[in-house]
């Protein structure tokens, strides 16, 4: 029988991880520029494959944020009902947040990976692309946790992958690869978050 992990109430990192929630409704309170830069700095300190740091953070505010929400909403009807509903929800969340941070992979590791490894060309693209995705995912998680630690809410809008080409063109990153669109702001309400599966379900031991 698996014992429960210890509750380390004095450990600020573990407390922040436990408190993180996906927030989809925000107040009108603006996010201070210094706090935004602190989040982005935390994202930029994530581990990256061979320290290539092949990510780009695009800050979207004001009229551009409004236009992004309109783009998402305008494309929603082109998809089946479940995806349409999620895209419309994403559009409302973008509108609600005072600022949005988008993340795109630059492809630098893909372009320069051949100089780092002797990898078969047929597998090189998938190999280095996966490394870029892993690196940027770590950066996004850093951003989410940094925001939570400052009392700021976020949500990772993965559904926008359905319109990734339009989003990347809108973000002026047409040659990049879509990773994330993250509305950022102060939560209008705090939820308990979804119930997680028991830890034992997700662990296997090999001795």
N, C-alpha and C. Protein backbone atom coordinates (compact mmCIF):
# COMPACT_ATOMS: atom_id res chain seq x y z
N UNK A 1 0.85 -1.20 0.00
CA UNK A 1 0.00 0.00 0.00
C UNK A 1 0.88 1.24 0.00
N UNK A 2 0.56 2.17 -0.90
CA UNK A 2 1.38 3.37 -1.02
C UNK A 2 1.02 4.37 0.08
N UNK A 3 2.04 4.91 0.73
CA UNK A 3 1.81 5.94 1.74
C UNK A 3 1.58 7.28 1.05
N UNK A 4 0.88 8.18 1.72
CA UNK A 4 0.61 9.49 1.15
C UNK A 4 1.86 10.36 1.23
N UNK A 5 2.07 11.26 0.21
CA UNK A 5 3.21 12.17 0.29
C UNK A 5 3.04 13.14 1.44
N UNK A 6 4.15 13.52 2.02
CA UNK A 6 4.10 14.44 3.16
C UNK A 6 3.58 15.80 2.74
N UNK A 7 2.79 16.43 3.57
CA UNK A 7 2.31 17.79 3.34
C UNK A 7 3.31 18.77 3.96
N UNK A 8 4.15 19.36 3.12
CA UNK A 8 5.18 20.27 3.61
C UNK A 8 4.64 21.70 3.57
N UNK A 9 3.94 22.09 4.62
CA UNK A 9 3.26 23.39 4.64
C UNK A 9 4.24 24.55 4.55
N UNK A 10 5.46 24.35 4.99
CA UNK A 10 6.43 25.43 4.95
C UNK A 10 7.18 25.53 3.64
N UNK A 11 6.94 24.61 2.72
CA UNK A 11 7.64 24.60 1.44
C UNK A 11 6.86 25.44 0.43
N UNK A 12 7.37 26.62 0.11
CA UNK A 12 6.62 27.55 -0.73
C UNK A 12 6.43 27.03 -2.15
N UNK A 13 7.41 26.31 -2.66
CA UNK A 13 7.30 25.78 -4.02
C UNK A 13 6.17 24.77 -4.10
N UNK A 14 6.13 23.83 -3.15
CA UNK A 14 5.07 22.82 -3.16
C UNK A 14 3.70 23.44 -2.91
N UNK A 15 3.66 24.46 -2.07
CA UNK A 15 2.39 25.17 -1.82
C UNK A 15 1.89 25.84 -3.09
N UNK A 16 2.79 26.47 -3.84
CA UNK A 16 2.41 27.12 -5.10
C UNK A 16 1.90 26.11 -6.11
N UNK A 17 2.58 24.98 -6.24
CA UNK A 17 2.14 23.93 -7.16
C UNK A 17 0.73 23.47 -6.81
N UNK A 18 0.48 23.30 -5.51
CA UNK A 18 -0.84 22.83 -5.07
C UNK A 18 -1.92 23.88 -5.32
N UNK A 19 -1.58 25.16 -5.24
CA UNK A 19 -2.56 26.24 -5.39
C UNK A 19 -2.87 26.57 -6.85
N UNK A 20 -2.02 26.17 -7.78
CA UNK A 20 -2.22 26.57 -9.17
C UNK A 20 -3.55 26.06 -9.70
N UNK A 21 -4.29 26.93 -10.36
CA UNK A 21 -5.58 26.60 -10.96
C UNK A 21 -5.65 27.21 -12.36
N UNK A 22 -6.46 26.63 -13.22
CA UNK A 22 -6.76 27.25 -14.51
C UNK A 22 -7.86 28.27 -14.30
N UNK A 23 -7.56 29.53 -14.60
CA UNK A 23 -8.48 30.64 -14.36
C UNK A 23 -9.00 31.15 -15.71
N UNK A 24 -10.32 31.27 -15.84
CA UNK A 24 -10.91 31.68 -17.12
C UNK A 24 -11.74 32.96 -17.02
N UNK A 25 -11.76 33.56 -15.84
CA UNK A 25 -12.51 34.80 -15.65
C UNK A 25 -11.69 35.72 -14.75
N UNK A 26 -11.48 36.95 -15.21
CA UNK A 26 -10.56 37.86 -14.53
C UNK A 26 -11.25 39.18 -14.18
N UNK A 27 -10.66 39.88 -13.22
CA UNK A 27 -11.11 41.23 -12.89
C UNK A 27 -10.50 42.21 -13.88
N UNK A 28 -10.89 43.48 -13.76
CA UNK A 28 -10.34 44.52 -14.63
C UNK A 28 -8.98 45.04 -14.16
N UNK A 29 -8.54 44.57 -13.02
CA UNK A 29 -7.28 45.07 -12.47
C UNK A 29 -6.11 44.73 -13.39
N UNK A 30 -5.34 45.72 -13.81
CA UNK A 30 -4.21 45.44 -14.70
C UNK A 30 -3.09 44.70 -13.98
N UNK A 31 -2.33 43.94 -14.73
CA UNK A 31 -1.16 43.26 -14.19
C UNK A 31 0.02 44.22 -14.26
N UNK A 32 0.65 44.56 -13.13
CA UNK A 32 1.78 45.48 -13.16
C UNK A 32 2.89 44.98 -14.09
N UNK A 33 3.52 45.90 -14.79
CA UNK A 33 4.56 45.53 -15.75
C UNK A 33 5.68 44.74 -15.07
N UNK A 34 6.05 45.13 -13.87
CA UNK A 34 7.13 44.43 -13.18
C UNK A 34 6.75 42.98 -12.87
N UNK A 35 5.48 42.76 -12.50
CA UNK A 35 5.03 41.39 -12.23
C UNK A 35 5.04 40.56 -13.51
N UNK A 36 4.62 41.18 -14.61
CA UNK A 36 4.62 40.47 -15.89
C UNK A 36 6.05 40.09 -16.28
N UNK A 37 6.97 41.03 -16.11
CA UNK A 37 8.37 40.74 -16.44
C UNK A 37 8.95 39.67 -15.52
N UNK A 38 8.50 39.66 -14.27
CA UNK A 38 8.96 38.62 -13.33
C UNK A 38 8.50 37.25 -13.80
N UNK A 39 7.26 37.13 -14.26
CA UNK A 39 6.75 35.86 -14.79
C UNK A 39 7.54 35.43 -16.02
N UNK A 40 7.78 36.38 -16.91
CA UNK A 40 8.51 36.06 -18.14
C UNK A 40 9.95 35.67 -17.84
N UNK A 41 10.53 36.31 -16.84
CA UNK A 41 11.89 35.96 -16.44
C UNK A 41 11.94 34.53 -15.89
N UNK A 42 10.92 34.16 -15.12
CA UNK A 42 10.83 32.79 -14.60
C UNK A 42 10.70 31.80 -15.76
N UNK A 43 9.88 32.15 -16.74
CA UNK A 43 9.73 31.29 -17.91
C UNK A 43 11.06 31.14 -18.64
N UNK A 44 11.78 32.23 -18.76
CA UNK A 44 13.03 32.23 -19.50
C UNK A 44 14.14 31.44 -18.79
N UNK A 45 13.95 31.14 -17.52
CA UNK A 45 14.94 30.38 -16.76
C UNK A 45 14.67 28.88 -16.78
N UNK A 46 13.70 28.46 -17.56
CA UNK A 46 13.39 27.03 -17.64
C UNK A 46 14.54 26.26 -18.28
N UNK A 47 14.65 24.99 -17.97
CA UNK A 47 15.66 24.18 -18.67
C UNK A 47 15.30 24.07 -20.14
N UNK A 48 16.32 24.08 -20.99
CA UNK A 48 16.07 23.91 -22.42
C UNK A 48 17.13 22.99 -23.02
N UNK A 49 16.73 22.26 -24.02
CA UNK A 49 17.63 21.28 -24.63
C UNK A 49 18.88 21.97 -25.15
N UNK A 50 20.03 21.57 -24.61
CA UNK A 50 21.33 22.12 -25.02
C UNK A 50 21.38 23.64 -24.91
N UNK A 51 20.57 24.15 -23.98
CA UNK A 51 20.52 25.58 -23.68
C UNK A 51 20.24 26.43 -24.92
N UNK A 52 19.48 25.88 -25.85
CA UNK A 52 19.16 26.64 -27.06
C UNK A 52 18.10 27.71 -26.82
N UNK A 53 17.27 27.52 -25.77
CA UNK A 53 16.25 28.52 -25.41
C UNK A 53 15.44 28.94 -26.65
N UNK A 54 14.99 27.93 -27.37
CA UNK A 54 14.33 28.18 -28.66
C UNK A 54 12.84 28.48 -28.46
N UNK A 55 12.58 29.52 -27.67
CA UNK A 55 11.21 29.96 -27.42
C UNK A 55 11.11 31.46 -27.65
N UNK A 56 9.90 31.90 -27.90
CA UNK A 56 9.61 33.33 -28.01
C UNK A 56 8.35 33.61 -27.19
N UNK A 57 8.39 34.68 -26.41
CA UNK A 57 7.24 35.11 -25.61
C UNK A 57 6.67 36.38 -26.25
N UNK A 58 5.40 36.33 -26.63
CA UNK A 58 4.75 37.47 -27.28
C UNK A 58 3.67 37.99 -26.34
N UNK A 59 3.81 39.24 -25.92
CA UNK A 59 2.86 39.86 -25.00
C UNK A 59 1.80 40.59 -25.82
N UNK A 60 0.54 40.25 -25.59
CA UNK A 60 -0.57 40.79 -26.38
C UNK A 60 -1.50 41.57 -25.45
N UNK A 61 -1.72 42.85 -25.78
CA UNK A 61 -2.58 43.70 -24.95
C UNK A 61 -3.44 44.59 -25.82
N UNK A 62 -4.34 45.33 -25.19
CA UNK A 62 -5.10 46.38 -25.86
C UNK A 62 -5.86 45.90 -27.08
N UNK A 63 -5.77 46.67 -28.18
CA UNK A 63 -6.53 46.36 -29.39
C UNK A 63 -6.10 45.03 -30.01
N UNK A 64 -4.82 44.69 -29.88
CA UNK A 64 -4.35 43.42 -30.44
C UNK A 64 -4.98 42.23 -29.69
N UNK A 65 -5.15 42.37 -28.39
CA UNK A 65 -5.81 41.31 -27.62
C UNK A 65 -7.26 41.16 -28.05
N UNK A 66 -7.93 42.29 -28.24
CA UNK A 66 -9.32 42.27 -28.72
C UNK A 66 -9.40 41.58 -30.08
N UNK A 67 -8.45 41.90 -30.95
CA UNK A 67 -8.45 41.30 -32.28
C UNK A 67 -8.18 39.81 -32.23
N UNK A 68 -7.32 39.39 -31.31
CA UNK A 68 -7.06 37.95 -31.15
C UNK A 68 -8.32 37.22 -30.71
N UNK A 69 -9.03 37.79 -29.75
CA UNK A 69 -10.28 37.18 -29.29
C UNK A 69 -11.28 37.09 -30.44
N UNK A 70 -11.37 38.13 -31.25
CA UNK A 70 -12.29 38.13 -32.39
C UNK A 70 -11.90 37.07 -33.42
N UNK A 71 -10.59 36.92 -33.64
CA UNK A 71 -10.12 35.89 -34.56
C UNK A 71 -10.55 34.51 -34.09
N UNK A 72 -10.33 34.22 -32.82
CA UNK A 72 -10.70 32.91 -32.27
C UNK A 72 -12.20 32.68 -32.38
N UNK A 73 -12.98 33.69 -32.02
CA UNK A 73 -14.43 33.56 -32.07
C UNK A 73 -14.94 33.37 -33.49
N UNK A 74 -14.31 34.06 -34.44
CA UNK A 74 -14.76 33.98 -35.83
C UNK A 74 -14.51 32.61 -36.44
N UNK A 75 -13.51 31.89 -35.95
CA UNK A 75 -13.19 30.58 -36.48
C UNK A 75 -13.94 29.45 -35.78
N UNK A 76 -14.54 29.75 -34.65
CA UNK A 76 -15.16 28.69 -33.84
C UNK A 76 -16.22 27.91 -34.60
N UNK A 77 -17.04 28.60 -35.37
CA UNK A 77 -18.15 27.95 -36.07
C UNK A 77 -17.68 26.98 -37.14
N UNK A 78 -16.42 27.00 -37.51
CA UNK A 78 -15.89 26.09 -38.53
C UNK A 78 -15.61 24.69 -37.98
N UNK A 79 -15.83 24.50 -36.68
CA UNK A 79 -15.49 23.23 -36.05
C UNK A 79 -16.73 22.58 -35.45
N UNK A 80 -16.66 21.26 -35.21
CA UNK A 80 -17.79 20.56 -34.57
C UNK A 80 -18.11 21.18 -33.22
N UNK A 81 -19.32 20.90 -32.73
CA UNK A 81 -19.85 21.58 -31.55
C UNK A 81 -18.91 21.58 -30.33
N UNK A 82 -18.32 20.44 -29.95
CA UNK A 82 -17.45 20.48 -28.76
C UNK A 82 -16.27 21.43 -28.93
N UNK A 83 -15.60 21.37 -30.08
CA UNK A 83 -14.46 22.26 -30.32
C UNK A 83 -14.92 23.70 -30.46
N UNK A 84 -16.07 23.90 -31.10
CA UNK A 84 -16.63 25.24 -31.25
C UNK A 84 -16.87 25.88 -29.88
N UNK A 85 -17.45 25.11 -28.97
CA UNK A 85 -17.74 25.64 -27.63
C UNK A 85 -16.45 26.01 -26.90
N UNK A 86 -15.42 25.18 -27.02
CA UNK A 86 -14.16 25.46 -26.35
C UNK A 86 -13.46 26.68 -26.94
N UNK A 87 -13.56 26.84 -28.25
CA UNK A 87 -12.96 28.02 -28.88
C UNK A 87 -13.68 29.30 -28.47
N UNK A 88 -15.01 29.23 -28.38
CA UNK A 88 -15.76 30.42 -27.94
C UNK A 88 -15.43 30.74 -26.48
N UNK A 89 -15.27 29.71 -25.65
CA UNK A 89 -14.87 29.93 -24.26
C UNK A 89 -13.48 30.57 -24.21
N UNK A 90 -12.58 30.10 -25.06
CA UNK A 90 -11.23 30.66 -25.11
C UNK A 90 -11.28 32.13 -25.51
N UNK A 91 -12.14 32.45 -26.46
CA UNK A 91 -12.28 33.84 -26.89
C UNK A 91 -12.74 34.74 -25.74
N UNK A 92 -13.71 34.26 -24.97
CA UNK A 92 -14.20 35.04 -23.83
C UNK A 92 -13.11 35.19 -22.76
N UNK A 93 -12.32 34.15 -22.57
CA UNK A 93 -11.25 34.21 -21.58
C UNK A 93 -10.19 35.23 -22.00
N UNK A 94 -9.84 35.24 -23.27
CA UNK A 94 -8.88 36.23 -23.78
C UNK A 94 -9.40 37.64 -23.56
N UNK A 95 -10.68 37.85 -23.85
CA UNK A 95 -11.27 39.18 -23.65
C UNK A 95 -11.25 39.59 -22.18
N UNK A 96 -11.49 38.63 -21.30
CA UNK A 96 -11.58 38.93 -19.88
C UNK A 96 -10.23 39.31 -19.27
N UNK A 97 -9.14 38.72 -19.78
CA UNK A 97 -7.81 38.93 -19.19
C UNK A 97 -7.23 40.28 -19.62
N UNK A 98 -6.54 40.97 -18.72
CA UNK A 98 -5.91 42.25 -19.10
C UNK A 98 -4.72 42.07 -20.03
N UNK A 99 -4.10 40.90 -20.02
CA UNK A 99 -2.93 40.66 -20.88
C UNK A 99 -2.86 39.18 -21.23
N UNK A 100 -2.31 38.91 -22.38
CA UNK A 100 -2.14 37.54 -22.85
C UNK A 100 -0.67 37.34 -23.21
N UNK A 101 -0.14 36.19 -22.82
CA UNK A 101 1.22 35.82 -23.23
C UNK A 101 1.12 34.61 -24.15
N UNK A 102 1.64 34.75 -25.36
CA UNK A 102 1.70 33.63 -26.29
C UNK A 102 3.13 33.12 -26.34
N UNK A 103 3.27 31.83 -26.58
CA UNK A 103 4.59 31.20 -26.66
C UNK A 103 4.68 30.45 -27.98
N UNK A 104 5.77 30.70 -28.69
CA UNK A 104 6.03 30.00 -29.95
C UNK A 104 7.45 29.46 -29.93
N UNK A 105 7.63 28.30 -30.53
CA UNK A 105 8.97 27.76 -30.72
C UNK A 105 9.59 28.40 -31.95
N UNK A 106 10.86 28.74 -31.87
CA UNK A 106 11.52 29.44 -32.97
C UNK A 106 12.10 28.51 -34.02
N UNK A 107 12.30 27.25 -33.68
CA UNK A 107 12.91 26.31 -34.62
C UNK A 107 14.43 26.35 -34.64
N UNK A 108 15.03 27.13 -33.73
CA UNK A 108 16.49 27.25 -33.73
C UNK A 108 17.16 25.91 -33.46
N UNK A 109 16.62 25.14 -32.53
CA UNK A 109 17.22 23.84 -32.24
C UNK A 109 17.10 22.91 -33.43
N UNK A 110 15.97 22.97 -34.11
CA UNK A 110 15.77 22.14 -35.29
C UNK A 110 16.80 22.50 -36.36
N UNK A 111 17.04 23.80 -36.52
CA UNK A 111 17.98 24.24 -37.55
C UNK A 111 19.43 23.90 -37.21
N UNK A 112 19.77 23.98 -35.92
CA UNK A 112 21.16 23.81 -35.52
C UNK A 112 21.45 22.45 -34.89
N UNK A 113 20.41 21.62 -34.75
CA UNK A 113 20.60 20.35 -34.07
C UNK A 113 21.61 19.44 -34.74
N UNK A 114 21.69 19.52 -36.05
CA UNK A 114 22.63 18.69 -36.76
C UNK A 114 24.08 18.97 -36.40
N UNK A 115 24.33 20.18 -35.93
CA UNK A 115 25.69 20.53 -35.50
C UNK A 115 26.01 19.96 -34.13
N UNK A 116 24.97 19.58 -33.39
CA UNK A 116 25.17 19.07 -32.03
C UNK A 116 25.23 17.54 -31.99
N UNK A 117 24.48 16.89 -32.89
CA UNK A 117 24.41 15.43 -32.89
C UNK A 117 24.60 14.89 -34.30
N UNK A 118 25.04 13.67 -34.36
CA UNK A 118 25.05 12.94 -35.62
C UNK A 118 23.78 12.10 -35.65
N UNK A 119 22.71 12.70 -36.15
CA UNK A 119 21.40 12.04 -36.13
C UNK A 119 20.94 11.80 -37.55
N UNK A 120 20.36 10.63 -37.77
CA UNK A 120 19.79 10.31 -39.07
C UNK A 120 18.81 11.40 -39.49
N UNK A 121 18.92 11.87 -40.71
CA UNK A 121 18.08 12.98 -41.17
C UNK A 121 16.61 12.65 -41.09
N UNK A 122 16.26 11.38 -41.27
CA UNK A 122 14.85 10.99 -41.26
C UNK A 122 14.23 11.17 -39.88
N UNK A 123 15.04 11.07 -38.84
CA UNK A 123 14.50 11.21 -37.50
C UNK A 123 14.86 12.56 -36.87
N UNK A 124 15.73 13.32 -37.51
CA UNK A 124 16.23 14.57 -36.92
C UNK A 124 15.10 15.57 -36.63
N UNK A 125 14.18 15.75 -37.57
CA UNK A 125 13.12 16.73 -37.39
C UNK A 125 12.28 16.41 -36.17
N UNK A 126 11.82 15.17 -36.06
CA UNK A 126 11.01 14.77 -34.89
C UNK A 126 11.82 14.87 -33.61
N UNK A 127 13.09 14.48 -33.68
CA UNK A 127 13.97 14.49 -32.51
C UNK A 127 14.11 15.89 -31.93
N UNK A 128 14.48 16.84 -32.77
CA UNK A 128 14.72 18.19 -32.30
C UNK A 128 13.42 18.96 -32.05
N UNK A 129 12.39 18.63 -32.82
CA UNK A 129 11.09 19.27 -32.58
C UNK A 129 10.57 18.89 -31.20
N UNK A 130 10.69 17.61 -30.84
CA UNK A 130 10.25 17.18 -29.51
C UNK A 130 11.05 17.89 -28.42
N UNK A 131 12.33 18.07 -28.63
CA UNK A 131 13.15 18.78 -27.65
C UNK A 131 12.67 20.22 -27.47
N UNK A 132 12.31 20.87 -28.57
CA UNK A 132 11.81 22.24 -28.48
C UNK A 132 10.48 22.28 -27.72
N UNK A 133 9.60 21.33 -27.99
CA UNK A 133 8.32 21.29 -27.30
C UNK A 133 8.53 21.07 -25.81
N UNK A 134 9.41 20.15 -25.46
CA UNK A 134 9.68 19.88 -24.04
C UNK A 134 10.23 21.13 -23.35
N UNK A 135 11.14 21.82 -24.01
CA UNK A 135 11.75 23.02 -23.43
C UNK A 135 10.71 24.11 -23.20
N UNK A 136 9.88 24.37 -24.22
CA UNK A 136 8.89 25.43 -24.09
C UNK A 136 7.79 25.07 -23.10
N UNK A 137 7.45 23.79 -23.01
CA UNK A 137 6.47 23.36 -22.01
C UNK A 137 6.99 23.65 -20.60
N UNK A 138 8.28 23.42 -20.38
CA UNK A 138 8.87 23.75 -19.08
C UNK A 138 8.81 25.25 -18.82
N UNK A 139 9.04 26.05 -19.86
CA UNK A 139 8.96 27.50 -19.71
C UNK A 139 7.54 27.95 -19.36
N UNK A 140 6.56 27.35 -20.03
CA UNK A 140 5.16 27.69 -19.73
C UNK A 140 4.82 27.34 -18.28
N UNK A 141 5.24 26.16 -17.83
CA UNK A 141 4.95 25.78 -16.45
C UNK A 141 5.60 26.75 -15.46
N UNK A 142 6.82 27.16 -15.74
CA UNK A 142 7.46 28.15 -14.88
C UNK A 142 6.62 29.43 -14.80
N UNK A 143 6.11 29.86 -15.94
CA UNK A 143 5.30 31.08 -15.97
C UNK A 143 4.03 30.90 -15.14
N UNK A 144 3.36 29.76 -15.30
CA UNK A 144 2.12 29.51 -14.57
C UNK A 144 2.36 29.52 -13.06
N UNK A 145 3.44 28.89 -12.64
CA UNK A 145 3.73 28.81 -11.20
C UNK A 145 4.19 30.15 -10.65
N UNK A 146 4.97 30.89 -11.42
CA UNK A 146 5.39 32.22 -10.97
C UNK A 146 4.17 33.12 -10.78
N UNK A 147 3.24 33.06 -11.73
CA UNK A 147 2.01 33.86 -11.61
C UNK A 147 1.24 33.47 -10.36
N UNK A 148 1.05 32.18 -10.15
CA UNK A 148 0.33 31.70 -8.97
C UNK A 148 0.96 32.21 -7.69
N UNK A 149 2.29 32.21 -7.63
CA UNK A 149 2.99 32.64 -6.42
C UNK A 149 2.76 34.11 -6.11
N UNK A 150 2.34 34.88 -7.13
CA UNK A 150 2.08 36.31 -6.95
C UNK A 150 0.59 36.63 -6.87
N UNK A 151 -0.24 35.58 -6.76
CA UNK A 151 -1.68 35.79 -6.67
C UNK A 151 -2.34 36.12 -8.00
N UNK A 152 -1.68 35.81 -9.10
CA UNK A 152 -2.17 36.10 -10.44
C UNK A 152 -2.61 34.81 -11.10
N UNK A 153 -3.72 34.85 -11.82
CA UNK A 153 -4.29 33.66 -12.45
C UNK A 153 -3.86 33.52 -13.90
N UNK A 154 -3.85 32.29 -14.38
CA UNK A 154 -3.50 31.98 -15.76
C UNK A 154 -4.29 30.76 -16.23
N UNK A 155 -4.29 30.55 -17.54
CA UNK A 155 -4.82 29.32 -18.10
C UNK A 155 -4.11 29.07 -19.43
N UNK A 156 -3.76 27.82 -19.67
CA UNK A 156 -3.07 27.43 -20.90
C UNK A 156 -4.15 27.02 -21.91
N UNK A 157 -4.36 27.83 -22.95
CA UNK A 157 -5.42 27.58 -23.93
C UNK A 157 -4.91 26.70 -25.06
N UNK A 158 -4.82 25.43 -24.81
CA UNK A 158 -4.32 24.50 -25.82
C UNK A 158 -5.25 24.35 -27.01
N UNK A 159 -6.55 24.65 -26.84
CA UNK A 159 -7.51 24.47 -27.92
C UNK A 159 -7.18 25.33 -29.13
N UNK A 160 -6.42 26.39 -28.94
CA UNK A 160 -6.07 27.26 -30.07
C UNK A 160 -5.14 26.57 -31.06
N UNK A 161 -4.64 25.40 -30.70
CA UNK A 161 -3.86 24.62 -31.65
C UNK A 161 -4.67 24.33 -32.91
N UNK A 162 -5.99 24.26 -32.78
CA UNK A 162 -6.85 23.99 -33.93
C UNK A 162 -6.72 25.05 -35.01
N UNK A 163 -6.35 26.27 -34.62
CA UNK A 163 -6.19 27.36 -35.58
C UNK A 163 -4.78 27.93 -35.49
N UNK A 164 -3.83 27.04 -35.30
CA UNK A 164 -2.46 27.46 -34.99
C UNK A 164 -1.85 28.33 -36.09
N UNK A 165 -2.14 28.02 -37.34
CA UNK A 165 -1.52 28.80 -38.42
C UNK A 165 -2.01 30.24 -38.42
N UNK A 166 -3.33 30.41 -38.22
CA UNK A 166 -3.87 31.77 -38.15
C UNK A 166 -3.33 32.52 -36.94
N UNK A 167 -3.22 31.81 -35.82
CA UNK A 167 -2.72 32.45 -34.60
C UNK A 167 -1.27 32.87 -34.77
N UNK A 168 -0.43 32.00 -35.33
CA UNK A 168 0.97 32.34 -35.53
C UNK A 168 1.13 33.52 -36.50
N UNK A 169 0.33 33.54 -37.53
CA UNK A 169 0.38 34.68 -38.46
C UNK A 169 -0.04 35.96 -37.75
N UNK A 170 -1.08 35.87 -36.94
CA UNK A 170 -1.53 37.03 -36.17
C UNK A 170 -0.43 37.52 -35.23
N UNK A 171 0.29 36.59 -34.63
CA UNK A 171 1.35 36.94 -33.68
C UNK A 171 2.64 37.36 -34.38
N UNK A 172 2.61 37.38 -35.71
CA UNK A 172 3.79 37.73 -36.52
C UNK A 172 4.93 36.76 -36.29
N UNK A 173 4.56 35.48 -36.12
CA UNK A 173 5.51 34.39 -35.97
C UNK A 173 5.16 33.26 -36.95
N UNK A 174 5.00 33.58 -38.24
CA UNK A 174 4.52 32.56 -39.18
C UNK A 174 5.47 31.40 -39.37
N UNK A 175 6.74 31.59 -39.07
CA UNK A 175 7.72 30.52 -39.25
C UNK A 175 7.96 29.73 -37.97
N UNK A 176 7.29 30.12 -36.88
CA UNK A 176 7.46 29.43 -35.61
C UNK A 176 6.49 28.28 -35.48
N UNK A 177 6.46 27.69 -34.32
CA UNK A 177 5.54 26.60 -34.03
C UNK A 177 4.71 26.96 -32.80
N UNK A 178 3.40 26.78 -32.91
CA UNK A 178 2.49 27.13 -31.82
C UNK A 178 2.76 26.29 -30.59
N UNK A 179 2.85 26.97 -29.44
CA UNK A 179 2.99 26.27 -28.17
C UNK A 179 1.87 26.58 -27.20
N UNK A 180 1.60 27.87 -26.97
CA UNK A 180 0.62 28.21 -25.93
C UNK A 180 0.10 29.62 -26.12
N UNK A 181 -1.13 29.82 -25.71
CA UNK A 181 -1.70 31.16 -25.50
C UNK A 181 -2.22 31.18 -24.08
N UNK A 182 -1.72 32.13 -23.29
CA UNK A 182 -1.97 32.14 -21.84
C UNK A 182 -2.55 33.47 -21.39
N UNK A 183 -3.87 33.57 -21.19
CA UNK A 183 -4.43 34.77 -20.56
C UNK A 183 -3.91 34.91 -19.13
N UNK A 184 -3.63 36.15 -18.74
CA UNK A 184 -3.03 36.42 -17.44
C UNK A 184 -3.79 37.55 -16.77
N UNK A 185 -4.15 37.38 -15.49
CA UNK A 185 -4.83 38.45 -14.76
C UNK A 185 -5.22 38.00 -13.37
N UNK A 186 -5.91 38.88 -12.66
CA UNK A 186 -6.36 38.56 -11.30
C UNK A 186 -7.70 37.85 -11.36
N UNK A 187 -7.80 36.68 -10.74
CA UNK A 187 -9.04 35.88 -10.84
C UNK A 187 -10.25 36.63 -10.28
N UNK A 188 -11.37 36.52 -10.99
CA UNK A 188 -12.61 37.10 -10.47
C UNK A 188 -13.26 36.18 -9.45
N UNK A 189 -12.89 34.93 -9.48
CA UNK A 189 -13.34 33.96 -8.48
C UNK A 189 -12.31 32.85 -8.39
N UNK A 190 -12.26 32.21 -7.25
CA UNK A 190 -11.30 31.13 -7.01
C UNK A 190 -12.04 29.81 -6.95
N UNK A 191 -11.60 28.86 -7.75
CA UNK A 191 -12.24 27.55 -7.76
C UNK A 191 -11.35 26.55 -7.04
N UNK A 192 -11.94 25.42 -6.72
CA UNK A 192 -11.19 24.36 -6.06
C UNK A 192 -10.32 23.60 -7.05
N UNK A 193 -10.66 23.68 -8.31
CA UNK A 193 -9.91 22.94 -9.31
C UNK A 193 -10.41 21.52 -9.44
N UNK A 194 -10.11 20.85 -10.54
CA UNK A 194 -10.60 19.48 -10.74
C UNK A 194 -9.92 18.51 -9.79
N UNK A 195 -10.62 17.45 -9.47
CA UNK A 195 -10.06 16.42 -8.60
C UNK A 195 -9.02 15.61 -9.37
N UNK A 196 -7.88 15.39 -8.76
CA UNK A 196 -6.82 14.62 -9.38
C UNK A 196 -6.99 13.13 -9.06
N UNK A 197 -6.57 12.31 -10.00
CA UNK A 197 -6.60 10.88 -9.76
C UNK A 197 -5.64 10.52 -8.62
N UNK A 198 -5.90 9.43 -7.92
CA UNK A 198 -4.96 9.01 -6.88
C UNK A 198 -3.57 8.80 -7.48
N UNK A 199 -2.57 9.22 -6.76
CA UNK A 199 -1.19 9.13 -7.24
C UNK A 199 -0.82 7.71 -7.64
N UNK A 200 -1.32 6.74 -6.89
CA UNK A 200 -0.97 5.35 -7.14
C UNK A 200 -1.37 4.89 -8.54
N UNK A 201 -2.39 5.53 -9.13
CA UNK A 201 -2.86 5.14 -10.46
C UNK A 201 -1.80 5.47 -11.52
N UNK A 202 -0.99 6.48 -11.26
CA UNK A 202 -0.07 6.98 -12.26
C UNK A 202 1.37 6.54 -12.06
N UNK A 203 1.63 5.70 -11.10
CA UNK A 203 3.00 5.29 -10.78
C UNK A 203 3.19 3.79 -10.98
N UNK A 204 4.29 3.44 -11.60
CA UNK A 204 4.76 2.05 -11.62
C UNK A 204 6.21 2.04 -11.15
N UNK A 205 6.57 1.01 -10.43
CA UNK A 205 7.94 0.86 -9.95
C UNK A 205 8.62 -0.31 -10.66
N UNK A 206 9.83 -0.09 -11.09
CA UNK A 206 10.66 -1.14 -11.66
C UNK A 206 11.92 -1.26 -10.82
N UNK A 207 12.08 -2.36 -10.11
CA UNK A 207 13.26 -2.56 -9.26
C UNK A 207 14.19 -3.63 -9.87
